[in-house]
Amino acid sequence: MVVDDSINQALNRIADNQEEMNETLKRIANHYDGIVPVMERNAKRVEKAHEEMYDEFGVNTQNSFNTPPRN
């Protein structure tokens, strides 16, 4: 029957599309899983560097104002 064939073809196309979408989503998830840990590690590294810079700046500023004048 023509209607049954049309419905069957439509359902097959939907199923094929669903499989393609699942593969695409798997690739996106794998990319995400590979990139996010690196981004988190880099963000922590930058934050630590900023903290160290501000800590060092504070110590250097304090030392420059606390040193006795030279003769």
PDB file of N, CA and C in Angstrom:
ATOM      1  N   MET A   1       0.843  -1.165   0.000  1.00  0.00           N
ATOM      2  CA  MET A   1       0.000   0.000   0.000  1.00  0.00           C
ATOM      3  C   MET A   1       0.896   1.239   0.000  1.00  0.00           C
ATOM      4  N   VAL A   2       0.514   2.270  -0.723  1.00  0.00           N
ATOM      5  CA  VAL A   2       1.314   3.475  -0.895  1.00  0.00           C
ATOM      6  C   VAL A   2       1.453   4.250   0.404  1.00  0.00           C
ATOM      7  N   VAL A   3       0.383   4.353   1.167  1.00  0.00           N
ATOM      8  CA  VAL A   3       0.420   5.089   2.431  1.00  0.00           C
ATOM      9  C   VAL A   3       1.361   4.396   3.416  1.00  0.00           C
ATOM     10  N   ASP A   4       1.289   3.081   3.484  1.00  0.00           N
ATOM     11  CA  ASP A   4       2.167   2.336   4.382  1.00  0.00           C
ATOM     12  C   ASP A   4       3.633   2.527   3.995  1.00  0.00           C
ATOM     13  N   ASP A   5       3.921   2.545   2.707  1.00  0.00           N
ATOM     14  CA  ASP A   5       5.293   2.763   2.254  1.00  0.00           C
ATOM     15  C   ASP A   5       5.765   4.169   2.606  1.00  0.00           C
ATOM     16  N   SER A   6       4.916   5.160   2.439  1.00  0.00           N
ATOM     17  CA  SER A   6       5.272   6.545   2.776  1.00  0.00           C
ATOM     18  C   SER A   6       5.542   6.685   4.263  1.00  0.00           C
ATOM     19  N   ILE A   7       4.685   6.086   5.067  1.00  0.00           N
ATOM     20  CA  ILE A   7       4.878   6.137   6.524  1.00  0.00           C
ATOM     21  C   ILE A   7       6.151   5.395   6.902  1.00  0.00           C
ATOM     22  N   ASN A   8       6.389   4.251   6.282  1.00  0.00           N
ATOM     23  CA  ASN A   8       7.594   3.468   6.556  1.00  0.00           C
ATOM     24  C   ASN A   8       8.849   4.258   6.185  1.00  0.00           C
ATOM     25  N   GLN A   9       8.832   4.905   5.027  1.00  0.00           N
ATOM     26  CA  GLN A   9       9.982   5.711   4.611  1.00  0.00           C
ATOM     27  C   GLN A   9      10.204   6.885   5.565  1.00  0.00           C
ATOM     28  N   ALA A  10       9.117   7.530   5.957  1.00  0.00           N
ATOM     29  CA  ALA A  10       9.234   8.658   6.889  1.00  0.00           C
ATOM     30  C   ALA A  10       9.813   8.193   8.229  1.00  0.00           C
ATOM     31  N   LEU A  11       9.342   7.074   8.730  1.00  0.00           N
ATOM     32  CA  LEU A  11       9.862   6.552   9.995  1.00  0.00           C
ATOM     33  C   LEU A  11      11.320   6.151   9.871  1.00  0.00           C
ATOM     34  N   ASN A  12      11.707   5.590   8.751  1.00  0.00           N
ATOM     35  CA  ASN A  12      13.111   5.227   8.530  1.00  0.00           C
ATOM     36  C   ASN A  12      13.993   6.469   8.487  1.00  0.00           C
ATOM     37  N   ARG A  13      13.520   7.525   7.823  1.00  0.00           N
ATOM     38  CA  ARG A  13      14.289   8.772   7.780  1.00  0.00           C
ATOM     39  C   ARG A  13      14.435   9.368   9.177  1.00  0.00           C
ATOM     40  N   ILE A  14      13.351   9.310   9.948  1.00  0.00           N
ATOM     41  CA  ILE A  14      13.408   9.812  11.327  1.00  0.00           C
ATOM     42  C   ILE A  14      14.415   8.998  12.143  1.00  0.00           C
ATOM     43  N   ALA A  15      14.387   7.694  11.990  1.00  0.00           N
ATOM     44  CA  ALA A  15      15.326   6.833  12.736  1.00  0.00           C
ATOM     45  C   ALA A  15      16.760   7.115  12.313  1.00  0.00           C
ATOM     46  N   ASP A  16      16.995   7.271  11.016  1.00  0.00           N
ATOM     47  CA  ASP A  16      18.352   7.580  10.538  1.00  0.00           C
ATOM     48  C   ASP A  16      18.819   8.932  11.077  1.00  0.00           C
ATOM     49  N   ASN A  17      17.923   9.899  11.047  1.00  0.00           N
ATOM     50  CA  ASN A  17      18.269  11.221  11.569  1.00  0.00           C
ATOM     51  C   ASN A  17      18.587  11.142  13.059  1.00  0.00           C
ATOM     52  N   GLN A  18      17.838  10.369  13.784  1.00  0.00           N
ATOM     53  CA  GLN A  18      18.074  10.206  15.218  1.00  0.00           C
ATOM     54  C   GLN A  18      19.454   9.598  15.476  1.00  0.00           C
ATOM     55  N   GLU A  19      19.835   8.620  14.689  1.00  0.00           N
ATOM     56  CA  GLU A  19      21.164   8.012  14.830  1.00  0.00           C
ATOM     57  C   GLU A  19      22.261   9.026  14.540  1.00  0.00           C
ATOM     58  N   GLU A  20      22.075   9.837  13.501  1.00  0.00           N
ATOM     59  CA  GLU A  20      23.061  10.869  13.182  1.00  0.00           C
ATOM     60  C   GLU A  20      23.171  11.887  14.309  1.00  0.00           C
ATOM     61  N   MET A  21      22.048  12.274  14.872  1.00  0.00           N
ATOM     62  CA  MET A  21      22.056  13.232  15.975  1.00  0.00           C
ATOM     63  C   MET A  21      22.751  12.651  17.200  1.00  0.00           C
ATOM     64  N   ASN A  22      22.522  11.374  17.466  1.00  0.00           N
ATOM     65  CA  ASN A  22      23.192  10.727  18.599  1.00  0.00           C
ATOM     66  C   ASN A  22      24.698  10.723  18.398  1.00  0.00           C
ATOM     67  N   GLU A  23      25.149  10.440  17.193  1.00  0.00           N
ATOM     68  CA  GLU A  23      26.589  10.457  16.904  1.00  0.00           C
ATOM     69  C   GLU A  23      27.158  11.865  17.072  1.00  0.00           C
ATOM     70  N   THR A  24      26.411  12.848  16.593  1.00  0.00           N
ATOM     71  CA  THR A  24      26.856  14.236  16.737  1.00  0.00           C
ATOM     72  C   THR A  24      26.947  14.620  18.209  1.00  0.00           C
ATOM     73  N   LEU A  25      25.951  14.249  18.973  1.00  0.00           N
ATOM     74  CA  LEU A  25      25.959  14.555  20.405  1.00  0.00           C
ATOM     75  C   LEU A  25      27.097  13.836  21.125  1.00  0.00           C
ATOM     76  N   LYS A  26      27.412  12.628  20.722  1.00  0.00           N
ATOM     77  CA  LYS A  26      28.542  11.908  21.314  1.00  0.00           C
ATOM     78  C   LYS A  26      29.846  12.623  21.020  1.00  0.00           C
ATOM     79  N   ARG A  27      30.012  13.109  19.786  1.00  0.00           N
ATOM     80  CA  ARG A  27      31.234  13.840  19.437  1.00  0.00           C
ATOM     81  C   ARG A  27      31.339  15.138  20.233  1.00  0.00           C
ATOM     82  N   ILE A  28      30.209  15.830  20.389  1.00  0.00           N
ATOM     83  CA  ILE A  28      30.210  17.058  21.180  1.00  0.00           C
ATOM     84  C   ILE A  28      30.580  16.746  22.632  1.00  0.00           C
ATOM     85  N   ALA A  29      30.004  15.696  23.178  1.00  0.00           N
ATOM     86  CA  ALA A  29      30.289  15.320  24.565  1.00  0.00           C
ATOM     87  C   ALA A  29      31.753  14.940  24.743  1.00  0.00           C
ATOM     88  N   ASN A  30      32.309  14.202  23.804  1.00  0.00           N
ATOM     89  CA  ASN A  30      33.726  13.833  23.887  1.00  0.00           C
ATOM     90  C   ASN A  30      34.616  15.065  23.811  1.00  0.00           C
ATOM     91  N   HIS A  31      34.277  15.989  22.931  1.00  0.00           N
ATOM     92  CA  HIS A  31      35.047  17.230  22.819  1.00  0.00           C
ATOM     93  C   HIS A  31      34.960  18.005  24.127  1.00  0.00           C
ATOM     94  N   TYR A  32      33.758  18.121  24.659  1.00  0.00           N
ATOM     95  CA  TYR A  32      33.540  18.834  25.915  1.00  0.00           C
ATOM     96  C   TYR A  32      34.358  18.190  27.041  1.00  0.00           C
ATOM     97  N   ASP A  33      34.292  16.863  27.130  1.00  0.00           N
ATOM     98  CA  ASP A  33      35.021  16.160  28.181  1.00  0.00           C
ATOM     99  C   ASP A  33      36.529  16.336  28.043  1.00  0.00           C
ATOM    100  N   GLY A  34      37.003  16.525  26.818  1.00  0.00           N
ATOM    101  CA  GLY A  34      38.433  16.725  26.610  1.00  0.00           C
ATOM    102  C   GLY A  34      38.874  18.153  26.865  1.00  0.00           C
ATOM    103  N   ILE A  35      38.004  19.113  26.613  1.00  0.00           N
ATOM    104  CA  ILE A  35      38.378  20.523  26.707  1.00  0.00           C
ATOM    105  C   ILE A  35      38.155  21.107  28.097  1.00  0.00           C
ATOM    106  N   VAL A  36      37.068  20.764  28.727  1.00  0.00           N
ATOM    107  CA  VAL A  36      36.710  21.395  30.001  1.00  0.00           C
ATOM    108  C   VAL A  36      37.775  21.194  31.081  1.00  0.00           C
ATOM    109  N   PRO A  37      38.332  20.001  31.272  1.00  0.00           N
ATOM    110  CA  PRO A  37      39.368  19.871  32.302  1.00  0.00           C
ATOM    111  C   PRO A  37      40.586  20.766  32.028  1.00  0.00           C
ATOM    112  N   VAL A  38      40.956  20.916  30.771  1.00  0.00           N
ATOM    113  CA  VAL A  38      42.085  21.779  30.420  1.00  0.00           C
ATOM    114  C   VAL A  38      41.739  23.230  30.737  1.00  0.00           C
ATOM    115  N   MET A  39      40.533  23.637  30.396  1.00  0.00           N
ATOM    116  CA  MET A  39      40.116  25.010  30.680  1.00  0.00           C
ATOM    117  C   MET A  39      40.081  25.275  32.184  1.00  0.00           C
ATOM    118  N   GLU A  40      39.590  24.320  32.952  1.00  0.00           N
ATOM    119  CA  GLU A  40      39.553  24.482  34.406  1.00  0.00           C
ATOM    120  C   GLU A  40      40.962  24.578  34.976  1.00  0.00           C
ATOM    121  N   ARG A  41      41.851  23.726  34.483  1.00  0.00           N
ATOM    122  CA  ARG A  41      43.241  23.747  34.957  1.00  0.00           C
ATOM    123  C   ARG A  41      43.892  25.093  34.627  1.00  0.00           C
ATOM    124  N   ASN A  42      43.672  25.591  33.424  1.00  0.00           N
ATOM    125  CA  ASN A  42      44.246  26.875  33.034  1.00  0.00           C
ATOM    126  C   ASN A  42      43.659  28.018  33.852  1.00  0.00           C
ATOM    127  N   ALA A  43      42.363  27.969  34.125  1.00  0.00           N
ATOM    128  CA  ALA A  43      41.726  29.017  34.923  1.00  0.00           C
ATOM    129  C   ALA A  43      42.310  29.030  36.336  1.00  0.00           C
ATOM    130  N   LYS A  44      42.525  27.856  36.919  1.00  0.00           N
ATOM    131  CA  LYS A  44      43.124  27.791  38.255  1.00  0.00           C
ATOM    132  C   LYS A  44      44.551  28.317  38.234  1.00  0.00           C
ATOM    133  N   ARG A  45      45.288  28.003  37.165  1.00  0.00           N
ATOM    134  CA  ARG A  45      46.659  28.469  37.027  1.00  0.00           C
ATOM    135  C   ARG A  45      46.705  29.999  36.949  1.00  0.00           C
ATOM    136  N   VAL A  46      45.798  30.577  36.181  1.00  0.00           N
ATOM    137  CA  VAL A  46      45.746  32.030  36.042  1.00  0.00           C
ATOM    138  C   VAL A  46      45.360  32.674  37.364  1.00  0.00           C
ATOM    139  N   GLU A  47      44.378  32.101  38.034  1.00  0.00           N
ATOM    140  CA  GLU A  47      43.958  32.649  39.326  1.00  0.00           C
ATOM    141  C   GLU A  47      45.115  32.606  40.334  1.00  0.00           C
ATOM    142  N   LYS A  48      45.837  31.509  40.355  1.00  0.00           N
ATOM    143  CA  LYS A  48      46.978  31.393  41.266  1.00  0.00           C
ATOM    144  C   LYS A  48      48.047  32.420  40.925  1.00  0.00           C
ATOM    145  N   ALA A  49      48.310  32.607  39.634  1.00  0.00           N
ATOM    146  CA  ALA A  49      49.311  33.585  39.214  1.00  0.00           C
ATOM    147  C   ALA A  49      48.899  35.000  39.628  1.00  0.00           C
ATOM    148  N   HIS A  50      47.608  35.320  39.495  1.00  0.00           N
ATOM    149  CA  HIS A  50      47.126  36.635  39.907  1.00  0.00           C
ATOM    150  C   HIS A  50      47.268  36.819  41.410  1.00  0.00           C
ATOM    151  N   GLU A  51      46.927  35.786  42.167  1.00  0.00           N
ATOM    152  CA  GLU A  51      47.061  35.884  43.620  1.00  0.00           C
ATOM    153  C   GLU A  51      48.517  36.085  44.009  1.00  0.00           C
ATOM    154  N   GLU A  52      49.414  35.334  43.379  1.00  0.00           N
ATOM    155  CA  GLU A  52      50.837  35.479  43.683  1.00  0.00           C
ATOM    156  C   GLU A  52      51.335  36.866  43.304  1.00  0.00           C
ATOM    157  N   MET A  53      50.854  37.387  42.178  1.00  0.00           N
ATOM    158  CA  MET A  53      51.272  38.707  41.745  1.00  0.00           C
ATOM    159  C   MET A  53      50.822  39.766  42.745  1.00  0.00           C
ATOM    160  N   TYR A  54      49.565  39.673  43.197  1.00  0.00           N
ATOM    161  CA  TYR A  54      49.072  40.653  44.156  1.00  0.00           C
ATOM    162  C   TYR A  54      49.769  40.501  45.506  1.00  0.00           C
ATOM    163  N   ASP A  55      50.021  39.279  45.930  1.00  0.00           N
ATOM    164  CA  ASP A  55      50.737  39.069  47.190  1.00  0.00           C
ATOM    165  C   ASP A  55      52.140  39.648  47.099  1.00  0.00           C
ATOM    166  N   GLU A  56      52.827  39.376  46.003  1.00  0.00           N
ATOM    167  CA  GLU A  56      54.184  39.886  45.818  1.00  0.00           C
ATOM    168  C   GLU A  56      54.174  41.402  45.725  1.00  0.00           C
ATOM    169  N   PHE A  57      53.187  41.969  45.036  1.00  0.00           N
ATOM    170  CA  PHE A  57      53.077  43.417  44.917  1.00  0.00           C
ATOM    171  C   PHE A  57      52.902  44.045  46.292  1.00  0.00           C
ATOM    172  N   GLY A  58      52.061  43.426  47.114  1.00  0.00           N
ATOM    173  CA  GLY A  58      51.834  43.960  48.451  1.00  0.00           C
ATOM    174  C   GLY A  58      53.092  43.916  49.295  1.00  0.00           C
ATOM    175  N   VAL A  59      53.836  42.836  49.234  1.00  0.00           N
ATOM    176  CA  VAL A  59      55.079  42.708  50.007  1.00  0.00           C
ATOM    177  C   VAL A  59      56.099  43.712  49.507  1.00  0.00           C
ATOM    178  N   ASN A  60      56.243  43.821  48.198  1.00  0.00           N
ATOM    179  CA  ASN A  60      57.212  44.773  47.644  1.00  0.00           C
ATOM    180  C   ASN A  60      56.839  46.211  47.987  1.00  0.00           C
ATOM    181  N   THR A  61      55.568  46.536  47.943  1.00  0.00           N
ATOM    182  CA  THR A  61      55.129  47.889  48.288  1.00  0.00           C
ATOM    183  C   THR A  61      55.387  48.159  49.754  1.00  0.00           C
ATOM    184  N   GLN A  62      55.073  47.190  50.588  1.00  0.00           N
ATOM    185  CA  GLN A  62      55.296  47.360  52.018  1.00  0.00           C
ATOM    186  C   GLN A  62      56.787  47.509  52.299  1.00  0.00           C
ATOM    187  N   ASN A  63      57.615  46.689  51.672  1.00  0.00           N
ATOM    188  CA  ASN A  63      59.057  46.771  51.884  1.00  0.00           C
ATOM    189  C   ASN A  63      59.613  48.107  51.418  1.00  0.00           C
ATOM    190  N   SER A  64      59.116  48.641  50.340  1.00  0.00           N
ATOM    191  CA  SER A  64      59.657  49.901  49.830  1.00  0.00           C
ATOM    192  C   SER A  64      59.298  51.064  50.745  1.00  0.00           C
ATOM    193  N   PHE A  65      58.182  50.983  51.443  1.00  0.00           N
ATOM    194  CA  PHE A  65      57.816  52.070  52.356  1.00  0.00           C
ATOM    195  C   PHE A  65      58.386  51.873  53.754  1.00  0.00           C
ATOM    196  N   ASN A  66      58.811  50.659  54.083  1.00  0.00           N
ATOM    197  CA  ASN A  66      59.330  50.379  55.421  1.00  0.00           C
ATOM    198  C   ASN A  66      60.847  50.398  55.501  1.00  0.00           C
ATOM    199  N   THR A  67      61.524  50.613  54.401  1.00  0.00           N
ATOM    200  CA  THR A  67      62.990  50.606  54.444  1.00  0.00           C
ATOM    201  C   THR A  67      63.473  51.972  54.911  1.00  0.00           C
ATOM    202  N   PRO A  68      64.496  51.970  55.728  1.00  0.00           N
ATOM    203  CA  PRO A  68      65.027  53.261  56.197  1.00  0.00           C
ATOM    204  C   PRO A  68      65.692  54.010  55.042  1.00  0.00           C
ATOM    205  N   PRO A  69      65.684  55.316  55.079  1.00  0.00           N
ATOM    206  CA  PRO A  69      66.318  56.086  53.995  1.00  0.00           C
ATOM    207  C   PRO A  69      67.818  55.845  53.978  1.00  0.00           C
ATOM    208  N   ARG A  70      68.372  55.878  52.784  1.00  0.00           N
ATOM    209  CA  ARG A  70      69.830  55.689  52.627  1.00  0.00           C
ATOM    210  C   ARG A  70      70.537  57.039  52.723  1.00  0.00           C
ATOM    211  N   ASN A  71      71.728  56.997  53.292  1.00  0.00           N
ATOM    212  CA  ASN A  71      72.535  58.231  53.414  1.00  0.00           C
ATOM    213  C   ASN A  71      73.505  58.366  52.314  1.00  0.00           C
TER     214      ASN A  71
END
